[in-house]
C-alpha cells in the first residue's frame, strides 16, 4: 500500500501504525513522538489498533533536545 509520510510517498506492507513506527524508528516506545493520521492525532495507546489504509497521510513529529 502507498502512504504519504511527512509529505513523501512510501510503500509499506505493515498493517498497523505500531508495526510501521517500530520498523521505521527501531522499536520505539512512543516517547517523544506525536503522530497524526489524516490530520487526526493518534495517541500512542491506540497505535496497536490503528489500521493503516492505502492513501493514509501520516505526519510524525519527533521531539529533540536543544536549547
Protein backbone atom coordinates (compact mmCIF):
# COMPACT_ATOMS: atom_id res chain seq x y z
CA UNK A 1 0.00 0.00 0.00
CA UNK A 2 1.08 3.60 -0.51
CA UNK A 3 1.28 6.07 2.36
CA UNK A 4 2.24 9.72 2.49
CA UNK A 5 4.74 10.09 5.33
CA UNK A 6 5.70 13.65 6.21
CA UNK A 7 4.81 14.61 2.65
CA UNK A 8 6.72 11.83 0.86
CA UNK A 9 5.10 8.77 -0.71
CA UNK A 10 6.28 5.41 0.63
CA UNK A 11 5.32 1.79 0.02
CA UNK A 12 4.66 -0.46 3.01
CA UNK A 13 3.24 -3.85 3.88
CA UNK A 14 2.58 -3.09 7.55
CA UNK A 15 -0.98 -3.41 8.81
CA UNK A 16 -0.92 -1.23 11.91
CA UNK A 17 0.57 2.09 12.87
CA UNK A 18 2.53 0.35 15.64
CA UNK A 19 4.14 -2.12 13.21
CA UNK A 20 5.18 0.72 10.95
CA UNK A 21 6.54 3.01 13.69
CA UNK A 22 8.55 0.17 15.28
CA UNK A 23 10.16 -0.68 11.94
CA UNK A 24 10.86 2.93 10.99
CA UNK A 25 12.06 4.11 14.38
CA UNK A 26 13.72 0.92 15.69
CA UNK A 27 11.29 -0.40 18.31
CA UNK A 28 10.23 2.97 19.65
CA UNK A 29 8.45 3.15 22.99
CA UNK A 30 6.44 6.05 21.65
CA UNK A 31 8.07 8.55 23.97
CA UNK A 32 8.96 11.77 22.23
CA UNK A 33 6.73 11.11 19.21
CA UNK A 34 3.47 12.63 18.07
CA UNK A 35 1.71 11.03 15.12
CA UNK A 36 -1.26 12.20 13.12
CA UNK A 37 -3.04 10.11 10.51
CA UNK A 38 -5.17 12.02 8.03
CA UNK A 39 -4.89 15.16 10.18
CA UNK A 40 -6.06 13.42 13.38
CA UNK A 41 -3.63 12.85 16.26
CA UNK A 42 -3.41 9.17 17.24
CA UNK A 43 -2.47 8.62 20.91
CA UNK A 44 0.30 6.03 21.31
CA UNK A 45 -2.14 3.92 23.35
CA UNK A 46 -4.06 3.40 20.07
CA UNK A 47 -1.11 2.64 17.78
CA UNK A 48 -1.65 -1.15 18.07
CA UNK A 49 -5.27 -0.91 16.97
CA UNK A 50 -4.91 1.82 14.32
CA UNK A 51 -5.03 0.03 10.98
CA UNK A 52 -3.24 1.60 8.04
CA UNK A 53 -5.07 2.05 4.76
CA UNK A 54 -3.85 2.78 1.27
CA UNK A 55 -3.51 6.54 0.83
CA UNK A 56 -3.23 7.42 4.54
CA UNK A 57 -1.34 10.63 5.25
CA UNK A 58 0.97 10.24 8.25
CA UNK A 59 2.71 13.12 9.98
CA UNK A 60 5.41 12.19 12.50
CA UNK A 61 6.87 14.77 14.85
CA UNK A 62 9.80 13.69 17.00
CA UNK A 63 10.97 15.74 19.97
CA UNK A 64 14.64 16.63 20.02
CA UNK A 65 16.94 18.08 22.61
CA UNK A 66 18.23 21.56 22.19
CA UNK A 67 18.13 24.99 23.58
